[in-house]
Amino acid sequence: MKIEALKQLPLPWIEDTILKEKSSWTENGAANILSFLKSHAEEFTAIGLYEEGLIGVLVYRPEDLRIILIGIAREKRRHGYGTALLDGLKEKAEQMHLARIEANAASNALAFYQANGFIETGESSQAGGLSFTPMEYLLGRAMLGKTVTVIVDHPYGSFHPTIADAVYPVNFGYVSQTEGMQDAWAIGPQEPVETFTGIVAGIVYHRQGTSRWIVIPPSMVIDHQKIIDLIGFEEQYYETEILWSDRH
């Protein structure tokens, strides 16, 4: 098995292998999906999974990795191939420091997405003869509970660079990683520090596509509301969602 980027969307394969399954798609729904893919072919990217030929495809939007379509040849399903394609996309998203991967899951794929950690973010709707449910996968969750060191560049008590008269009530900085830098709140020290080592107790996800880690001392018991109040002076300006560690 190997996964590789495709130079173009394999539209004939998608039509013949995926969309002609009468048990999965209505004729009208399949036609609308194919028409949509053809009209936006230059905007999308695809990765393919090979095992003695192409057996699976994941089509996505390259700027934010939004999933457009994922399909595995019928005889190859329930062997982890779809999950392998998703894992490849998740790894790419981590490297791009995205906060989430989004998808509109067709009704026949809803259980697959749920099994792979996607959650519903809205009500199902009808479009082009099909039912779709908006879903998302929140990235970075593997870091929850891990020990990291925050390099502080906005120390406790310093003025915020863009919010008038706002002073940082906590230290703020970043964690240096192989893929780049990850913004992080350093909760605990009530004085300016240059670095802070603690565990990732939560992740603040911004709807705009970025995220921030909440790092606390290992012995500290999480008070969700207290932390929200501390970082709220800035986070209030974003549409956010917080994922907390189960360890605290």
C-alpha atoms as a PDB file:
ATOM      1  CA  MET A   1       0.000   0.000   0.000  1.00  0.00           C
ATOM      2  CA  LYS A   2       1.236   3.477  -0.830  1.00  0.00           C
ATOM      3  CA  ILE A   3      -0.293   6.945  -0.758  1.00  0.00           C
ATOM      4  CA  GLU A   4       0.800   9.641  -3.162  1.00  0.00           C
ATOM      5  CA  ALA A   5      -0.321  13.010  -4.484  1.00  0.00           C
ATOM      6  CA  LEU A   6      -2.144  12.890  -7.813  1.00  0.00           C
ATOM      7  CA  LYS A   7      -1.384  15.316 -10.620  1.00  0.00           C
ATOM      8  CA  GLN A   8      -5.079  15.721 -11.371  1.00  0.00           C
ATOM      9  CA  LEU A   9      -8.425  14.490 -10.121  1.00  0.00           C
ATOM     10  CA  PRO A  10      -9.043  10.902 -11.329  1.00  0.00           C
ATOM     11  CA  LEU A  11     -12.546  11.740 -12.516  1.00  0.00           C
ATOM     12  CA  PRO A  12     -13.094   8.602 -14.641  1.00  0.00           C
ATOM     13  CA  TRP A  13     -12.094   6.387 -11.674  1.00  0.00           C
ATOM     14  CA  ILE A  14     -14.341   8.340  -9.303  1.00  0.00           C
ATOM     15  CA  GLU A  15     -17.264   8.048 -11.703  1.00  0.00           C
ATOM     16  CA  ASP A  16     -16.825   4.350 -12.490  1.00  0.00           C
ATOM     17  CA  THR A  17     -15.730   3.086  -9.064  1.00  0.00           C
ATOM     18  CA  ILE A  18     -17.495   5.320  -6.550  1.00  0.00           C
ATOM     19  CA  LEU A  19     -20.415   7.193  -8.069  1.00  0.00           C
ATOM     20  CA  LYS A  20     -21.994   4.296  -9.962  1.00  0.00           C
ATOM     21  CA  GLU A  21     -22.822   2.450  -6.750  1.00  0.00           C
ATOM     22  CA  LYS A  22     -26.604   2.577  -6.707  1.00  0.00           C
ATOM     23  CA  SER A  23     -26.673   1.511  -3.051  1.00  0.00           C
ATOM     24  CA  SER A  24     -24.694   4.619  -2.032  1.00  0.00           C
ATOM     25  CA  TRP A  25     -25.904   7.381  -4.342  1.00  0.00           C
ATOM     26  CA  THR A  26     -29.032   8.355  -6.171  1.00  0.00           C
ATOM     27  CA  GLU A  27     -28.517   8.804  -9.895  1.00  0.00           C
ATOM     28  CA  ASN A  28     -29.220  12.522  -9.551  1.00  0.00           C
ATOM     29  CA  GLY A  29     -26.908  12.872  -6.547  1.00  0.00           C
ATOM     30  CA  ALA A  30     -24.020  11.103  -8.274  1.00  0.00           C
ATOM     31  CA  ALA A  31     -24.464  13.256 -11.393  1.00  0.00           C
ATOM     32  CA  ASN A  32     -24.391  16.437  -9.310  1.00  0.00           C
ATOM     33  CA  ILE A  33     -21.226  15.386  -7.470  1.00  0.00           C
ATOM     34  CA  LEU A  34     -19.462  14.553 -10.722  1.00  0.00           C
ATOM     35  CA  SER A  35     -20.548  17.848 -12.285  1.00  0.00           C
ATOM     36  CA  PHE A  36     -19.292  19.729  -9.222  1.00  0.00           C
ATOM     37  CA  LEU A  37     -15.912  17.977  -9.317  1.00  0.00           C
ATOM     38  CA  LYS A  38     -15.506  18.655 -13.027  1.00  0.00           C
ATOM     39  CA  SER A  39     -16.343  22.344 -12.714  1.00  0.00           C
ATOM     40  CA  HIS A  40     -13.921  22.819  -9.783  1.00  0.00           C
ATOM     41  CA  ALA A  41     -11.216  20.364 -10.832  1.00  0.00           C
ATOM     42  CA  GLU A  42      -8.536  23.063 -11.019  1.00  0.00           C
ATOM     43  CA  GLU A  43      -9.296  24.216  -7.468  1.00  0.00           C
ATOM     44  CA  PHE A  44      -8.977  20.833  -5.763  1.00  0.00           C
ATOM     45  CA  THR A  45      -6.128  18.443  -5.019  1.00  0.00           C
ATOM     46  CA  ALA A  46      -6.281  14.687  -4.548  1.00  0.00           C
ATOM     47  CA  ILE A  47      -4.237  11.959  -2.939  1.00  0.00           C
ATOM     48  CA  GLY A  48      -4.557   8.374  -4.082  1.00  0.00           C
ATOM     49  CA  LEU A  49      -4.040   5.061  -2.332  1.00  0.00           C
ATOM     50  CA  TYR A  50      -2.511   2.276  -4.399  1.00  0.00           C
ATOM     51  CA  GLU A  51      -2.392  -1.488  -3.988  1.00  0.00           C
ATOM     52  CA  GLU A  52      -1.866  -3.104  -7.379  1.00  0.00           C
ATOM     53  CA  GLY A  53      -3.639  -0.101  -8.850  1.00  0.00           C
ATOM     54  CA  LEU A  54      -5.680   2.798  -7.520  1.00  0.00           C
ATOM     55  CA  ILE A  55      -8.094   1.688  -4.786  1.00  0.00           C
ATOM     56  CA  GLY A  56      -8.902   4.924  -2.967  1.00  0.00           C
ATOM     57  CA  VAL A  57      -9.030   8.700  -3.413  1.00  0.00           C
ATOM     58  CA  LEU A  58      -9.338  11.704  -1.126  1.00  0.00           C
ATOM     59  CA  VAL A  59     -10.177  15.034  -2.788  1.00  0.00           C
ATOM     60  CA  TYR A  60      -9.579  18.208  -0.789  1.00  0.00           C
ATOM     61  CA  ARG A  61      -9.201  21.979  -1.030  1.00  0.00           C
ATOM     62  CA  PRO A  62      -5.470  22.737  -0.720  1.00  0.00           C
ATOM     63  CA  GLU A  63      -5.662  26.047   1.152  1.00  0.00           C
ATOM     64  CA  ASP A  64      -7.503  24.681   4.196  1.00  0.00           C
ATOM     65  CA  LEU A  65      -7.590  20.908   3.507  1.00  0.00           C
ATOM     66  CA  ARG A  66     -11.379  20.866   3.530  1.00  0.00           C
ATOM     67  CA  ILE A  67     -12.458  17.391   2.414  1.00  0.00           C
ATOM     68  CA  ILE A  68     -14.540  17.332  -0.755  1.00  0.00           C
ATOM     69  CA  LEU A  69     -14.801  13.581  -1.335  1.00  0.00           C
ATOM     70  CA  ILE A  70     -13.281  10.389  -0.009  1.00  0.00           C
ATOM     71  CA  GLY A  71     -13.908   7.058  -1.672  1.00  0.00           C
ATOM     72  CA  ILE A  72     -12.553   3.517  -1.497  1.00  0.00           C
ATOM     73  CA  ALA A  73     -13.238   0.767  -4.030  1.00  0.00           C
ATOM     74  CA  ARG A  74     -16.124  -1.323  -2.711  1.00  0.00           C
ATOM     75  CA  GLU A  75     -14.183  -4.586  -2.400  1.00  0.00           C
ATOM     76  CA  LYS A  76     -11.416  -2.831  -0.410  1.00  0.00           C
ATOM     77  CA  ARG A  77     -13.590  -1.244   2.271  1.00  0.00           C
ATOM     78  CA  ARG A  78     -13.437  -1.998   5.998  1.00  0.00           C
ATOM     79  CA  HIS A  79      -9.711  -2.654   5.833  1.00  0.00           C
ATOM     80  CA  GLY A  80      -8.522   0.734   7.137  1.00  0.00           C
ATOM     81  CA  TYR A  81      -7.722   2.260   3.753  1.00  0.00           C
ATOM     82  CA  GLY A  82     -10.061   5.224   4.203  1.00  0.00           C
ATOM     83  CA  THR A  83      -8.565   5.868   7.635  1.00  0.00           C
ATOM     84  CA  ALA A  84      -5.078   5.728   6.107  1.00  0.00           C
ATOM     85  CA  LEU A  85      -6.037   8.474   3.648  1.00  0.00           C
ATOM     86  CA  LEU A  86      -7.476  10.584   6.469  1.00  0.00           C
ATOM     87  CA  ASP A  87      -4.364  10.062   8.589  1.00  0.00           C
ATOM     88  CA  GLY A  88      -2.227  11.360   5.733  1.00  0.00           C
ATOM     89  CA  LEU A  89      -4.362  14.487   5.497  1.00  0.00           C
ATOM     90  CA  LYS A  90      -4.292  14.978   9.286  1.00  0.00           C
ATOM     91  CA  GLU A  91      -0.495  14.842   9.239  1.00  0.00           C
ATOM     92  CA  LYS A  92      -0.388  17.476   6.505  1.00  0.00           C
ATOM     93  CA  ALA A  93      -2.815  19.657   8.479  1.00  0.00           C
ATOM     94  CA  GLU A  94      -0.589  19.456  11.571  1.00  0.00           C
ATOM     95  CA  GLN A  95       2.371  20.590   9.474  1.00  0.00           C
ATOM     96  CA  MET A  96       0.298  23.545   8.226  1.00  0.00           C
ATOM     97  CA  HIS A  97      -0.686  24.378  11.849  1.00  0.00           C
ATOM     98  CA  LEU A  98      -4.372  24.186  11.019  1.00  0.00           C
ATOM     99  CA  ALA A  99      -6.837  24.003  13.896  1.00  0.00           C
ATOM    100  CA  ARG A 100      -9.337  21.739  12.150  1.00  0.00           C
ATOM    101  CA  ILE A 101     -10.253  19.768   9.059  1.00  0.00           C
ATOM    102  CA  GLU A 102     -13.801  20.295   7.839  1.00  0.00           C
ATOM    103  CA  ALA A 103     -16.050  18.146   5.683  1.00  0.00           C
ATOM    104  CA  ASN A 104     -19.650  17.908   4.552  1.00  0.00           C
ATOM    105  CA  ALA A 105     -20.351  14.235   5.134  1.00  0.00           C
ATOM    106  CA  ALA A 106     -22.867  12.512   2.899  1.00  0.00           C
ATOM    107  CA  SER A 107     -25.297  10.333   4.838  1.00  0.00           C
ATOM    108  CA  ASN A 108     -23.590   7.141   3.636  1.00  0.00           C
ATOM    109  CA  ALA A 109     -20.237   8.361   5.048  1.00  0.00           C
ATOM    110  CA  LEU A 110     -21.427   9.783   8.372  1.00  0.00           C
ATOM    111  CA  ALA A 111     -20.491   6.716  10.450  1.00  0.00           C
ATOM    112  CA  PHE A 112     -17.040   6.590   8.830  1.00  0.00           C
ATOM    113  CA  TYR A 113     -16.260  10.183   9.765  1.00  0.00           C
ATOM    114  CA  GLN A 114     -17.546   9.688  13.306  1.00  0.00           C
ATOM    115  CA  ALA A 115     -15.354   6.607  13.736  1.00  0.00           C
ATOM    116  CA  ASN A 116     -12.360   8.721  12.735  1.00  0.00           C
ATOM    117  CA  GLY A 117     -12.913  11.440  15.328  1.00  0.00           C
ATOM    118  CA  PHE A 118     -15.017  13.930  13.363  1.00  0.00           C
ATOM    119  CA  ILE A 119     -17.864  15.656  15.186  1.00  0.00           C
ATOM    120  CA  GLU A 120     -21.025  17.226  13.822  1.00  0.00           C
ATOM    121  CA  THR A 121     -21.048  21.025  13.782  1.00  0.00           C
ATOM    122  CA  GLY A 122     -24.524  21.699  12.433  1.00  0.00           C
ATOM    123  CA  GLU A 123     -27.754  20.270  11.147  1.00  0.00           C
ATOM    124  CA  SER A 124     -27.966  18.080   8.056  1.00  0.00           C
ATOM    125  CA  SER A 125     -29.202  19.740   4.878  1.00  0.00           C
ATOM    126  CA  GLN A 126     -30.246  18.683   1.395  1.00  0.00           C
ATOM    127  CA  ALA A 127     -28.257  19.688  -1.671  1.00  0.00           C
ATOM    128  CA  GLY A 128     -28.140  18.238  -5.167  1.00  0.00           C
ATOM    129  CA  GLY A 129     -30.291  15.278  -4.249  1.00  0.00           C
ATOM    130  CA  LEU A 130     -28.118  14.311  -1.266  1.00  0.00           C
ATOM    131  CA  SER A 131     -28.122  14.819   2.490  1.00  0.00           C
ATOM    132  CA  PHE A 132     -24.973  16.389   3.951  1.00  0.00           C
ATOM    133  CA  THR A 133     -23.899  16.939   7.562  1.00  0.00           C
ATOM    134  CA  PRO A 134     -21.216  19.545   8.405  1.00  0.00           C
ATOM    135  CA  MET A 135     -18.405  17.966  10.431  1.00  0.00           C
ATOM    136  CA  GLU A 136     -14.945  18.832  11.693  1.00  0.00           C
ATOM    137  CA  TYR A 137     -11.890  17.135  13.148  1.00  0.00           C
ATOM    138  CA  LEU A 138     -10.046  19.170  15.777  1.00  0.00           C
ATOM    139  CA  LEU A 139      -6.288  18.862  15.370  1.00  0.00           C
ATOM    140  CA  GLY A 140      -3.514  18.754  17.954  1.00  0.00           C
ATOM    141  CA  ARG A 141      -5.467  16.656  20.445  1.00  0.00           C
ATOM    142  CA  ALA A 142      -2.560  14.207  20.685  1.00  0.00           C
ATOM    143  CA  MET A 143      -0.663  16.949  22.544  1.00  0.00           C
ATOM    144  CA  LEU A 144      -3.158  17.090  25.404  1.00  0.00           C
ATOM    145  CA  GLY A 145      -1.403  16.011  28.596  1.00  0.00           C
ATOM    146  CA  LYS A 146       2.063  16.276  27.016  1.00  0.00           C
ATOM    147  CA  THR A 147       4.903  18.253  28.615  1.00  0.00           C
ATOM    148  CA  VAL A 148       6.093  21.273  26.621  1.00  0.00           C
ATOM    149  CA  THR A 149       8.160  24.408  27.175  1.00  0.00           C
ATOM    150  CA  VAL A 150       6.681  27.792  26.324  1.00  0.00           C
ATOM    151  CA  ILE A 151       9.080  30.503  25.181  1.00  0.00           C
ATOM    152  CA  VAL A 152       7.464  33.708  26.430  1.00  0.00           C
ATOM    153  CA  ASP A 153       7.467  36.729  24.127  1.00  0.00           C
ATOM    154  CA  HIS A 154       4.550  38.584  25.758  1.00  0.00           C
ATOM    155  CA  PRO A 155       5.251  38.416  29.499  1.00  0.00           C
ATOM    156  CA  TYR A 156       2.866  38.847  32.394  1.00  0.00           C
ATOM    157  CA  GLY A 157       2.084  42.553  32.923  1.00  0.00           C
ATOM    158  CA  SER A 158       3.182  43.721  29.460  1.00  0.00           C
ATOM    159  CA  PHE A 159       0.923  45.727  27.184  1.00  0.00           C
ATOM    160  CA  HIS A 160      -0.889  43.950  24.383  1.00  0.00           C
ATOM    161  CA  PRO A 161       0.435  45.079  20.964  1.00  0.00           C
ATOM    162  CA  THR A 162      -2.987  45.641  19.355  1.00  0.00           C
ATOM    163  CA  ILE A 163      -5.651  45.860  22.091  1.00  0.00           C
ATOM    164  CA  ALA A 164      -5.637  49.387  23.518  1.00  0.00           C
ATOM    165  CA  ASP A 165      -4.714  49.619  27.222  1.00  0.00           C
ATOM    166  CA  ALA A 166      -4.864  45.831  27.626  1.00  0.00           C
ATOM    167  CA  VAL A 167      -2.250  44.204  29.851  1.00  0.00           C
ATOM    168  CA  TYR A 168      -1.390  40.504  29.761  1.00  0.00           C
ATOM    169  CA  PRO A 169      -2.721  38.872  32.973  1.00  0.00           C
ATOM    170  CA  VAL A 170      -0.737  35.729  32.088  1.00  0.00           C
ATOM    171  CA  ASN A 171       2.415  34.942  30.151  1.00  0.00           C
ATOM    172  CA  PHE A 172       1.964  34.247  26.445  1.00  0.00           C
ATOM    173  CA  GLY A 173       4.384  32.861  23.897  1.00  0.00           C
ATOM    174  CA  TYR A 174       5.037  29.864  21.708  1.00  0.00           C
ATOM    175  CA  VAL A 175       6.258  26.298  21.711  1.00  0.00           C
ATOM    176  CA  SER A 176       8.977  25.574  19.176  1.00  0.00           C
ATOM    177  CA  GLN A 177       8.303  22.432  17.148  1.00  0.00           C
ATOM    178  CA  THR A 178       9.876  20.703  14.189  1.00  0.00           C
ATOM    179  CA  GLU A 179       7.047  21.972  11.977  1.00  0.00           C
ATOM    180  CA  GLY A 180       7.223  25.549  13.309  1.00  0.00           C
ATOM    181  CA  MET A 181       5.883  27.543  16.248  1.00  0.00           C
ATOM    182  CA  GLN A 182       2.673  26.918  18.186  1.00  0.00           C
ATOM    183  CA  ASP A 183       1.104  29.800  20.152  1.00  0.00           C
ATOM    184  CA  ALA A 184       0.541  29.024  23.826  1.00  0.00           C
ATOM    185  CA  TRP A 185      -0.843  30.523  27.023  1.00  0.00           C
ATOM    186  CA  ALA A 186       1.359  29.872  30.084  1.00  0.00           C
ATOM    187  CA  ILE A 187      -1.037  29.681  33.027  1.00  0.00           C
ATOM    188  CA  GLY A 188       0.304  29.714  36.576  1.00  0.00           C
ATOM    189  CA  PRO A 189       3.197  32.141  37.061  1.00  0.00           C
ATOM    190  CA  GLN A 190       1.927  35.511  38.306  1.00  0.00           C
ATOM    191  CA  GLU A 191       5.113  37.249  37.280  1.00  0.00           C
ATOM    192  CA  PRO A 192       7.040  37.705  34.041  1.00  0.00           C
ATOM    193  CA  VAL A 193       9.052  34.638  32.996  1.00  0.00           C
ATOM    194  CA  GLU A 194      11.230  33.889  29.993  1.00  0.00           C
ATOM    195  CA  THR A 195      10.238  30.234  29.683  1.00  0.00           C
ATOM    196  CA  PHE A 196       7.653  27.996  31.303  1.00  0.00           C
ATOM    197  CA  THR A 197       7.488  24.198  31.305  1.00  0.00           C
ATOM    198  CA  GLY A 198       4.148  22.544  31.929  1.00  0.00           C
ATOM    199  CA  ILE A 199       1.552  20.237  30.435  1.00  0.00           C
ATOM    200  CA  VAL A 200      -0.946  21.011  27.688  1.00  0.00           C
ATOM    201  CA  ALA A 201      -4.257  21.140  29.561  1.00  0.00           C
ATOM    202  CA  GLY A 202      -6.378  22.481  26.733  1.00  0.00           C
ATOM    203  CA  ILE A 203      -6.419  23.754  23.176  1.00  0.00           C
ATOM    204  CA  VAL A 204      -8.235  26.909  22.090  1.00  0.00           C
ATOM    205  CA  TYR A 205      -9.464  26.509  18.522  1.00  0.00           C
ATOM    206  CA  HIS A 206     -10.202  29.621  16.464  1.00  0.00           C
ATOM    207  CA  ARG A 207     -12.823  29.427  13.751  1.00  0.00           C
ATOM    208  CA  GLN A 208     -10.372  31.405  11.593  1.00  0.00           C
ATOM    209  CA  GLY A 209      -8.143  28.327  11.486  1.00  0.00           C
ATOM    210  CA  THR A 210      -5.483  28.778  14.177  1.00  0.00           C
ATOM    211  CA  SER A 211      -5.145  27.331  17.664  1.00  0.00           C
ATOM    212  CA  ARG A 212      -3.464  28.075  20.990  1.00  0.00           C
ATOM    213  CA  TRP A 213      -2.352  25.662  23.674  1.00  0.00           C
ATOM    214  CA  ILE A 214      -3.189  26.199  27.335  1.00  0.00           C
ATOM    215  CA  VAL A 215      -0.132  25.134  29.351  1.00  0.00           C
ATOM    216  CA  ILE A 216      -0.316  24.730  33.135  1.00  0.00           C
ATOM    217  CA  PRO A 217       1.917  23.377  35.950  1.00  0.00           C
ATOM    218  CA  PRO A 218       1.692  19.551  36.213  1.00  0.00           C
ATOM    219  CA  SER A 219       0.287  19.751  39.745  1.00  0.00           C
ATOM    220  CA  MET A 220      -2.332  22.383  38.971  1.00  0.00           C
ATOM    221  CA  VAL A 221      -5.986  21.364  38.968  1.00  0.00           C
ATOM    222  CA  ILE A 222      -7.810  22.886  36.025  1.00  0.00           C
ATOM    223  CA  ASP A 223     -10.431  25.482  36.803  1.00  0.00           C
ATOM    224  CA  HIS A 224     -12.016  25.903  33.380  1.00  0.00           C
ATOM    225  CA  GLN A 225     -13.802  29.136  34.154  1.00  0.00           C
ATOM    226  CA  LYS A 226     -10.785  30.737  35.823  1.00  0.00           C
ATOM    227  CA  ILE A 227      -8.615  30.000  32.804  1.00  0.00           C
ATOM    228  CA  ILE A 228     -11.295  31.263  30.428  1.00  0.00           C
ATOM    229  CA  ASP A 229     -11.517  34.480  32.455  1.00  0.00           C
ATOM    230  CA  LEU A 230      -7.728  34.947  32.325  1.00  0.00           C
ATOM    231  CA  ILE A 231      -7.374  34.540  28.568  1.00  0.00           C
ATOM    232  CA  GLY A 232     -10.741  36.059  27.723  1.00  0.00           C
ATOM    233  CA  PHE A 233      -9.337  39.582  27.433  1.00  0.00           C
ATOM    234  CA  GLU A 234      -8.041  38.525  24.002  1.00  0.00           C
ATOM    235  CA  GLU A 235      -9.951  35.356  23.120  1.00  0.00           C
ATOM    236  CA  GLN A 236     -13.257  37.251  23.356  1.00  0.00           C
ATOM    237  CA  TYR A 237     -12.513  38.727  19.945  1.00  0.00           C
ATOM    238  CA  TYR A 238     -12.490  35.297  18.274  1.00  0.00           C
ATOM    239  CA  GLU A 239     -15.066  32.611  17.691  1.00  0.00           C
ATOM    240  CA  THR A 240     -13.517  29.827  19.744  1.00  0.00           C
ATOM    241  CA  GLU A 241     -13.931  26.291  20.988  1.00  0.00           C
ATOM    242  CA  ILE A 242     -11.827  24.745  23.772  1.00  0.00           C
ATOM    243  CA  LEU A 243     -10.879  21.086  24.006  1.00  0.00           C
ATOM    244  CA  TRP A 244      -9.718  20.115  27.507  1.00  0.00           C
ATOM    245  CA  SER A 245      -7.472  17.286  28.629  1.00  0.00           C
ATOM    246  CA  ASP A 246      -9.235  14.366  30.318  1.00  0.00           C
ATOM    247  CA  ARG A 247      -6.427  14.139  32.854  1.00  0.00           C
ATOM    248  CA  HIS A 248      -7.565  17.208  34.802  1.00  0.00           C
END
